[in-house]
Structures are given as C-alpha cells and as structure tokens.
C-alpha cells in the first residue's frame, strides 16, 4: 500500500478533527501520481473529489497492496507495516493543529523524490515521496 498525507510545515495533520487545508492542484497531482492504480479514501476525504469524477477513486474500501490510501483522519503508525511508500504533500504554511504525524513515523523510509509546484490556494506545495528502505 502507498500512503498519502497532507501536512503543514510542522507535520500538522488535523485541527479539531478537520483537515487543515486542501488544494485542487494537489488533488490533480495526486491523481497523476496514482496513474492507473486505485485511490482509496474515506467519506470525509471523498468530499474533495467530484462524485463519479474518476473510477479509480474508491470510498470506504480496505486498501490493497498496490492501492494508494489518502489518509486525512486516523492513525498513521498502525498502517506503516503494510506501507511500501509514503507520499506527503506539504503546505507552505503552519496551520493550527492538534494532531501531528508522529516524529518516528518515517523511520525505515528513505526520501526518494522532492518536488515543488504552485497550488491553487497555496503559493508552493512540496511533494515528498518516501520508499521503504531495503
């Protein structure tokens, strides 16, 4: 499984059980990155995508080995055993947050790719791709 997260500059994930931000250019990049694989989301995250927009987007389905799982709410650490790569979209700001990516969550993963692109509502979004170390 490939895990997808959106974080701020301090690894903030959520505030009051809600996403900190969203960006349509980030979603476009994510769908491009996913390619022909499936993108699994929960109902909360599905609201970011137009209903029926893309048959690769599955709601409330258990992610398989080759699927991308866009996690906005929930615990990251229990999933990491099954994860082969982590894609992080990092906002160019620090938002209020009360839920953070755990400090050692990426232990055993190596940064493979780092790119920046202009978002719709963010001047710069940084995309980081981590792969499990061999």
N, C-alpha and C. Protein backbone atom coordinates (compact mmCIF):
# COMPACT_ATOMS: atom_id res chain seq x y z
N UNK A 1 0.85 -1.18 0.00
CA UNK A 1 0.00 0.00 0.00
C UNK A 1 0.89 1.24 0.00
N UNK A 2 0.38 2.29 -0.62
CA UNK A 2 1.07 3.57 -0.67
C UNK A 2 0.22 4.57 0.11
N UNK A 3 0.80 5.19 1.09
CA UNK A 3 0.07 6.11 1.96
C UNK A 3 0.25 7.54 1.47
N UNK A 4 -0.82 8.32 1.47
CA UNK A 4 -0.77 9.72 1.05
C UNK A 4 -1.24 10.58 2.22
N UNK A 5 -0.45 11.61 2.55
CA UNK A 5 -0.77 12.52 3.65
C UNK A 5 -0.60 13.96 3.21
N UNK A 6 -1.34 14.87 3.83
CA UNK A 6 -1.13 16.31 3.67
C UNK A 6 -0.73 16.86 5.02
N UNK A 7 0.42 17.55 5.06
CA UNK A 7 0.95 18.07 6.32
C UNK A 7 1.34 19.53 6.16
N UNK A 8 1.37 20.25 7.28
CA UNK A 8 1.89 21.61 7.24
C UNK A 8 3.39 21.57 7.55
N UNK A 9 4.00 22.72 7.73
CA UNK A 9 5.45 22.81 7.93
C UNK A 9 5.91 22.20 9.26
N UNK A 10 5.00 21.97 10.18
CA UNK A 10 5.35 21.35 11.47
C UNK A 10 4.78 19.94 11.60
N UNK A 11 4.48 19.31 10.48
CA UNK A 11 3.89 17.97 10.44
C UNK A 11 2.49 17.91 11.01
N UNK A 12 1.80 19.05 11.04
CA UNK A 12 0.41 19.07 11.48
C UNK A 12 -0.48 18.39 10.47
N UNK A 13 -1.40 17.59 10.97
CA UNK A 13 -2.29 16.81 10.11
C UNK A 13 -3.74 17.28 10.22
N UNK A 14 -4.18 17.53 11.43
CA UNK A 14 -5.58 17.89 11.68
C UNK A 14 -5.68 18.97 12.75
N UNK A 15 -6.79 19.69 12.73
CA UNK A 15 -7.14 20.60 13.80
C UNK A 15 -8.62 20.39 14.11
N UNK A 16 -8.90 20.03 15.36
CA UNK A 16 -10.28 19.79 15.79
C UNK A 16 -10.95 18.73 14.89
N UNK A 17 -10.17 17.69 14.54
CA UNK A 17 -10.64 16.57 13.72
C UNK A 17 -11.06 16.98 12.31
N UNK A 18 -10.49 18.07 11.82
CA UNK A 18 -10.76 18.54 10.45
C UNK A 18 -9.44 18.76 9.74
N UNK A 19 -9.48 18.65 8.41
CA UNK A 19 -8.28 18.91 7.62
C UNK A 19 -7.87 20.36 7.80
N UNK A 20 -6.58 20.62 7.72
CA UNK A 20 -6.09 21.99 7.85
C UNK A 20 -6.37 22.80 6.60
N UNK A 21 -6.23 22.16 5.45
CA UNK A 21 -6.39 22.87 4.19
C UNK A 21 -6.59 21.85 3.08
N UNK A 22 -6.87 22.33 1.88
CA UNK A 22 -6.96 21.48 0.70
C UNK A 22 -6.58 22.33 -0.50
N UNK A 23 -6.31 21.67 -1.61
CA UNK A 23 -5.89 22.41 -2.80
C UNK A 23 -6.21 21.58 -4.04
N UNK A 24 -6.88 22.17 -5.00
CA UNK A 24 -7.27 21.42 -6.21
C UNK A 24 -6.06 21.00 -7.04
N UNK A 25 -4.99 21.79 -7.06
CA UNK A 25 -3.79 21.40 -7.81
C UNK A 25 -3.11 20.19 -7.17
N UNK A 26 -3.17 20.13 -5.84
CA UNK A 26 -2.63 18.96 -5.14
C UNK A 26 -3.41 17.71 -5.53
N UNK A 27 -4.73 17.80 -5.58
CA UNK A 27 -5.55 16.65 -5.96
C UNK A 27 -5.25 16.21 -7.40
N UNK A 28 -5.06 17.17 -8.30
CA UNK A 28 -4.71 16.84 -9.69
C UNK A 28 -3.37 16.12 -9.75
N UNK A 29 -2.40 16.62 -8.98
CA UNK A 29 -1.09 15.98 -8.96
C UNK A 29 -1.19 14.57 -8.38
N UNK A 30 -1.99 14.41 -7.35
CA UNK A 30 -2.16 13.09 -6.74
C UNK A 30 -2.74 12.10 -7.75
N UNK A 31 -3.77 12.50 -8.46
CA UNK A 31 -4.35 11.59 -9.46
C UNK A 31 -3.36 11.25 -10.56
N UNK A 32 -2.53 12.22 -10.94
CA UNK A 32 -1.48 11.95 -11.93
C UNK A 32 -0.46 10.96 -11.35
N UNK A 33 -0.09 11.15 -10.09
CA UNK A 33 0.90 10.29 -9.43
C UNK A 33 0.36 8.86 -9.31
N UNK A 34 -0.91 8.71 -9.00
CA UNK A 34 -1.53 7.40 -8.82
C UNK A 34 -1.53 6.60 -10.12
N UNK A 35 -1.64 7.29 -11.25
CA UNK A 35 -1.65 6.60 -12.54
C UNK A 35 -2.88 5.72 -12.67
N UNK A 36 -2.67 4.45 -12.98
CA UNK A 36 -3.79 3.52 -13.17
C UNK A 36 -4.18 2.79 -11.89
N UNK A 37 -3.45 3.04 -10.80
CA UNK A 37 -3.75 2.38 -9.52
C UNK A 37 -5.05 2.95 -8.93
N UNK A 38 -5.53 2.31 -7.89
CA UNK A 38 -6.74 2.79 -7.21
C UNK A 38 -6.35 3.76 -6.10
N UNK A 39 -7.21 4.74 -5.86
CA UNK A 39 -7.05 5.69 -4.77
C UNK A 39 -8.19 5.46 -3.79
N UNK A 40 -7.84 5.01 -2.58
CA UNK A 40 -8.84 4.70 -1.57
C UNK A 40 -8.94 5.88 -0.60
N UNK A 41 -10.17 6.31 -0.34
CA UNK A 41 -10.42 7.43 0.57
C UNK A 41 -11.62 7.08 1.45
N UNK A 42 -11.75 7.80 2.57
CA UNK A 42 -12.97 7.64 3.36
C UNK A 42 -13.99 8.68 2.91
N UNK A 43 -15.17 8.65 3.50
CA UNK A 43 -16.25 9.56 3.07
C UNK A 43 -15.87 11.03 3.27
N UNK A 44 -15.15 11.31 4.34
CA UNK A 44 -14.71 12.69 4.62
C UNK A 44 -13.83 13.20 3.48
N UNK A 45 -12.87 12.41 3.08
CA UNK A 45 -11.94 12.80 2.03
C UNK A 45 -12.61 12.79 0.66
N UNK A 46 -13.56 11.90 0.45
CA UNK A 46 -14.26 11.82 -0.83
C UNK A 46 -14.94 13.14 -1.19
N UNK A 47 -15.30 13.94 -0.19
CA UNK A 47 -15.94 15.23 -0.44
C UNK A 47 -15.05 16.19 -1.25
N UNK A 48 -13.75 15.93 -1.27
CA UNK A 48 -12.84 16.79 -2.04
C UNK A 48 -12.90 16.51 -3.54
N UNK A 49 -13.43 15.37 -3.90
CA UNK A 49 -13.48 14.95 -5.29
C UNK A 49 -14.93 14.97 -5.77
N UNK A 50 -15.11 15.33 -7.03
CA UNK A 50 -16.46 15.31 -7.60
C UNK A 50 -16.96 13.88 -7.64
N UNK A 51 -18.21 13.70 -7.27
CA UNK A 51 -18.81 12.37 -7.29
C UNK A 51 -18.75 11.79 -8.70
N UNK A 52 -18.22 10.58 -8.81
CA UNK A 52 -18.13 9.93 -10.10
C UNK A 52 -17.06 10.51 -11.01
N UNK A 53 -16.21 11.40 -10.48
CA UNK A 53 -15.18 12.06 -11.27
C UNK A 53 -14.20 11.07 -11.87
N UNK A 54 -13.89 10.03 -11.12
CA UNK A 54 -12.83 9.13 -11.54
C UNK A 54 -13.11 7.75 -10.96
N UNK A 55 -13.13 6.74 -11.81
CA UNK A 55 -13.44 5.39 -11.34
C UNK A 55 -12.31 4.79 -10.50
N UNK A 56 -11.14 5.42 -10.49
CA UNK A 56 -10.04 4.93 -9.65
C UNK A 56 -10.25 5.27 -8.19
N UNK A 57 -11.14 6.22 -7.88
CA UNK A 57 -11.36 6.67 -6.51
C UNK A 57 -12.42 5.79 -5.86
N UNK A 58 -12.02 5.09 -4.80
CA UNK A 58 -12.92 4.19 -4.08
C UNK A 58 -13.13 4.72 -2.66
N UNK A 59 -14.36 4.69 -2.21
CA UNK A 59 -14.70 5.19 -0.88
C UNK A 59 -14.99 4.03 0.06
N UNK A 60 -14.44 4.14 1.27
CA UNK A 60 -14.70 3.17 2.34
C UNK A 60 -14.43 1.73 1.91
N UNK A 61 -13.30 1.54 1.26
CA UNK A 61 -12.84 0.22 0.84
C UNK A 61 -11.49 -0.02 1.50
N UNK A 62 -11.25 -1.24 1.93
CA UNK A 62 -9.94 -1.56 2.51
C UNK A 62 -8.89 -1.49 1.40
N UNK A 63 -7.82 -0.72 1.60
CA UNK A 63 -6.80 -0.61 0.55
C UNK A 63 -6.01 -1.91 0.39
N UNK A 64 -5.74 -2.26 -0.86
CA UNK A 64 -4.92 -3.43 -1.18
C UNK A 64 -3.46 -3.06 -1.28
N UNK A 65 -2.63 -4.03 -1.56
CA UNK A 65 -1.17 -3.85 -1.60
C UNK A 65 -0.71 -2.78 -2.58
N UNK A 66 -1.37 -2.65 -3.72
CA UNK A 66 -0.94 -1.71 -4.75
C UNK A 66 -1.73 -0.41 -4.75
N UNK A 67 -2.68 -0.27 -3.83
CA UNK A 67 -3.52 0.92 -3.77
C UNK A 67 -2.83 2.08 -3.08
N UNK A 68 -3.29 3.28 -3.41
CA UNK A 68 -2.90 4.49 -2.70
C UNK A 68 -4.02 4.79 -1.71
N UNK A 69 -3.65 5.09 -0.49
CA UNK A 69 -4.61 5.36 0.57
C UNK A 69 -4.39 6.79 1.05
N UNK A 70 -5.31 7.69 0.71
CA UNK A 70 -5.24 9.10 1.09
C UNK A 70 -5.87 9.21 2.47
N UNK A 71 -5.03 9.33 3.48
CA UNK A 71 -5.46 9.37 4.87
C UNK A 71 -5.46 10.80 5.38
N UNK A 72 -6.61 11.28 5.77
CA UNK A 72 -6.69 12.60 6.38
C UNK A 72 -6.97 12.50 7.87
N UNK A 73 -7.78 11.52 8.25
CA UNK A 73 -8.11 11.33 9.66
C UNK A 73 -7.84 9.87 10.01
N UNK A 74 -7.20 9.67 11.12
CA UNK A 74 -6.88 8.31 11.55
C UNK A 74 -5.42 8.22 11.95
N UNK A 75 -5.06 7.09 12.49
CA UNK A 75 -3.70 6.90 12.97
C UNK A 75 -2.81 6.35 11.87
N UNK A 76 -1.63 6.92 11.78
CA UNK A 76 -0.67 6.52 10.74
C UNK A 76 0.14 5.31 11.18
N UNK A 77 0.65 5.32 12.41
CA UNK A 77 1.57 4.27 12.85
C UNK A 77 1.06 2.84 12.67
N UNK A 78 -0.19 2.55 13.00
CA UNK A 78 -0.66 1.15 12.82
C UNK A 78 -0.66 0.69 11.35
N UNK A 79 -0.67 1.61 10.41
CA UNK A 79 -0.70 1.25 8.99
C UNK A 79 0.68 0.98 8.40
N UNK A 80 1.71 1.52 9.03
CA UNK A 80 3.03 1.55 8.40
C UNK A 80 3.64 0.19 8.09
N UNK A 81 3.24 -0.85 8.80
CA UNK A 81 3.75 -2.19 8.50
C UNK A 81 3.40 -2.61 7.08
N UNK A 82 2.24 -2.16 6.60
CA UNK A 82 1.74 -2.55 5.28
C UNK A 82 2.14 -1.58 4.17
N UNK A 83 2.83 -0.49 4.53
CA UNK A 83 3.10 0.60 3.58
C UNK A 83 4.46 0.42 2.92
N UNK A 84 4.49 0.52 1.58
CA UNK A 84 5.76 0.45 0.86
C UNK A 84 6.28 1.83 0.49
N UNK A 85 5.37 2.83 0.40
CA UNK A 85 5.81 4.20 0.14
C UNK A 85 4.84 5.18 0.79
N UNK A 86 5.35 6.37 1.06
CA UNK A 86 4.55 7.44 1.65
C UNK A 86 4.73 8.67 0.76
N UNK A 87 3.61 9.24 0.34
CA UNK A 87 3.62 10.47 -0.44
C UNK A 87 3.07 11.57 0.46
N UNK A 88 3.89 12.59 0.70
CA UNK A 88 3.47 13.70 1.55
C UNK A 88 3.36 14.95 0.70
N UNK A 89 2.21 15.59 0.79
CA UNK A 89 2.02 16.92 0.22
C UNK A 89 2.11 17.89 1.38
N UNK A 90 3.12 18.75 1.33
CA UNK A 90 3.39 19.66 2.44
C UNK A 90 2.97 21.08 2.07
N UNK A 91 2.03 21.62 2.87
CA UNK A 91 1.60 23.00 2.66
C UNK A 91 2.75 23.94 2.99
N UNK A 92 2.73 25.13 2.41
CA UNK A 92 3.80 26.12 2.62
C UNK A 92 3.55 26.99 3.85
N UNK A 93 2.68 26.55 4.73
CA UNK A 93 2.31 27.33 5.91
C UNK A 93 2.31 26.46 7.16
N UNK A 94 2.20 27.13 8.30
CA UNK A 94 1.95 26.45 9.57
C UNK A 94 0.51 26.78 9.94
N UNK A 95 -0.31 25.74 10.06
CA UNK A 95 -1.71 25.92 10.42
C UNK A 95 -1.92 25.50 11.87
N UNK A 96 -2.99 25.96 12.49
CA UNK A 96 -3.31 25.41 13.82
C UNK A 96 -3.49 23.89 13.68
N UNK A 97 -2.91 23.14 14.60
CA UNK A 97 -3.01 21.68 14.54
C UNK A 97 -3.04 21.11 15.95
N UNK A 98 -3.78 20.04 16.11
CA UNK A 98 -3.76 19.30 17.37
C UNK A 98 -3.46 17.82 17.14
N UNK A 99 -3.30 17.44 15.88
CA UNK A 99 -2.89 16.08 15.52
C UNK A 99 -1.71 16.21 14.56
N UNK A 100 -0.63 15.50 14.88
CA UNK A 100 0.61 15.60 14.12
C UNK A 100 1.07 14.22 13.67
N UNK A 101 1.83 14.18 12.57
CA UNK A 101 2.49 12.95 12.17
C UNK A 101 3.54 12.66 13.23
N UNK A 102 3.55 11.45 13.74
CA UNK A 102 4.48 11.07 14.78
C UNK A 102 5.92 11.25 14.30
N UNK A 103 6.78 11.69 15.19
CA UNK A 103 8.17 12.00 14.86
C UNK A 103 8.88 10.85 14.17
N UNK A 104 8.68 9.64 14.66
CA UNK A 104 9.41 8.49 14.11
C UNK A 104 8.59 7.71 13.08
N UNK A 105 7.53 8.30 12.57
CA UNK A 105 6.64 7.59 11.64
C UNK A 105 7.37 7.16 10.37
N UNK A 106 8.32 7.93 9.92
CA UNK A 106 9.01 7.61 8.65
C UNK A 106 10.32 6.85 8.87
N UNK A 107 10.51 6.35 10.08
CA UNK A 107 11.69 5.54 10.35
C UNK A 107 11.61 4.29 9.48
N UNK A 108 12.67 4.00 8.78
CA UNK A 108 12.68 2.86 7.86
C UNK A 108 12.31 3.24 6.44
N UNK A 109 12.04 4.54 6.21
CA UNK A 109 11.73 5.03 4.88
C UNK A 109 12.81 6.02 4.47
N UNK A 110 13.05 6.12 3.17
CA UNK A 110 14.09 7.00 2.65
C UNK A 110 13.46 7.95 1.63
N UNK A 111 13.79 9.23 1.73
CA UNK A 111 13.29 10.22 0.79
C UNK A 111 13.86 9.93 -0.59
N UNK A 112 12.97 9.70 -1.57
CA UNK A 112 13.39 9.37 -2.93
C UNK A 112 13.20 10.52 -3.91
N UNK A 113 12.24 11.37 -3.60
CA UNK A 113 11.88 12.43 -4.55
C UNK A 113 11.31 13.61 -3.76
N UNK A 114 11.69 14.80 -4.17
CA UNK A 114 11.14 16.01 -3.57
C UNK A 114 10.97 17.04 -4.67
N UNK A 115 9.74 17.48 -4.88
CA UNK A 115 9.45 18.46 -5.91
C UNK A 115 8.52 19.53 -5.35
N UNK A 116 8.54 20.68 -5.98
CA UNK A 116 7.64 21.76 -5.59
C UNK A 116 6.82 22.18 -6.80
N UNK A 117 5.58 22.57 -6.52
CA UNK A 117 4.73 23.10 -7.59
C UNK A 117 3.79 24.13 -7.00
N UNK A 118 3.28 24.98 -7.85
CA UNK A 118 2.33 26.01 -7.42
C UNK A 118 0.96 25.38 -7.24
N UNK A 119 0.33 25.68 -6.12
CA UNK A 119 -1.01 25.20 -5.88
C UNK A 119 -2.03 26.26 -6.30
N UNK A 120 -3.28 25.94 -6.11
CA UNK A 120 -4.35 26.90 -6.40
C UNK A 120 -4.51 27.87 -5.23
N UNK A 121 -4.53 27.33 -4.02
CA UNK A 121 -4.70 28.16 -2.83
C UNK A 121 -3.42 28.26 -2.01
N UNK A 122 -2.34 27.66 -2.48
CA UNK A 122 -1.04 27.72 -1.82
C UNK A 122 0.01 28.13 -2.85
N UNK A 123 0.86 29.07 -2.46
CA UNK A 123 1.89 29.54 -3.38
C UNK A 123 2.81 28.39 -3.78
N UNK A 124 3.20 27.57 -2.80
CA UNK A 124 4.09 26.44 -3.06
C UNK A 124 3.59 25.22 -2.28
N UNK A 125 3.52 24.09 -2.95
CA UNK A 125 3.25 22.81 -2.31
C UNK A 125 4.46 21.94 -2.58
N UNK A 126 4.99 21.33 -1.54
CA UNK A 126 6.13 20.43 -1.69
C UNK A 126 5.63 18.99 -1.63
N UNK A 127 6.03 18.23 -2.62
CA UNK A 127 5.68 16.81 -2.68
C UNK A 127 6.92 16.00 -2.32
N UNK A 128 6.79 15.15 -1.32
CA UNK A 128 7.88 14.30 -0.88
C UNK A 128 7.45 12.85 -1.04
N UNK A 129 8.28 12.05 -1.68
CA UNK A 129 7.97 10.63 -1.85
C UNK A 129 9.04 9.82 -1.11
N UNK A 130 8.58 9.03 -0.15
CA UNK A 130 9.45 8.17 0.66
C UNK A 130 9.20 6.71 0.29
N UNK A 131 10.26 5.92 0.20
CA UNK A 131 10.12 4.49 -0.07
C UNK A 131 10.75 3.73 1.10
N UNK A 132 10.18 2.57 1.37
CA UNK A 132 10.72 1.71 2.42
C UNK A 132 12.16 1.31 2.06
N UNK A 133 13.04 1.42 3.05
CA UNK A 133 14.43 1.01 2.83
C UNK A 133 14.50 -0.50 2.70
N UNK A 134 15.40 -0.97 1.87
CA UNK A 134 15.53 -2.43 1.64
C UNK A 134 16.17 -3.12 2.81
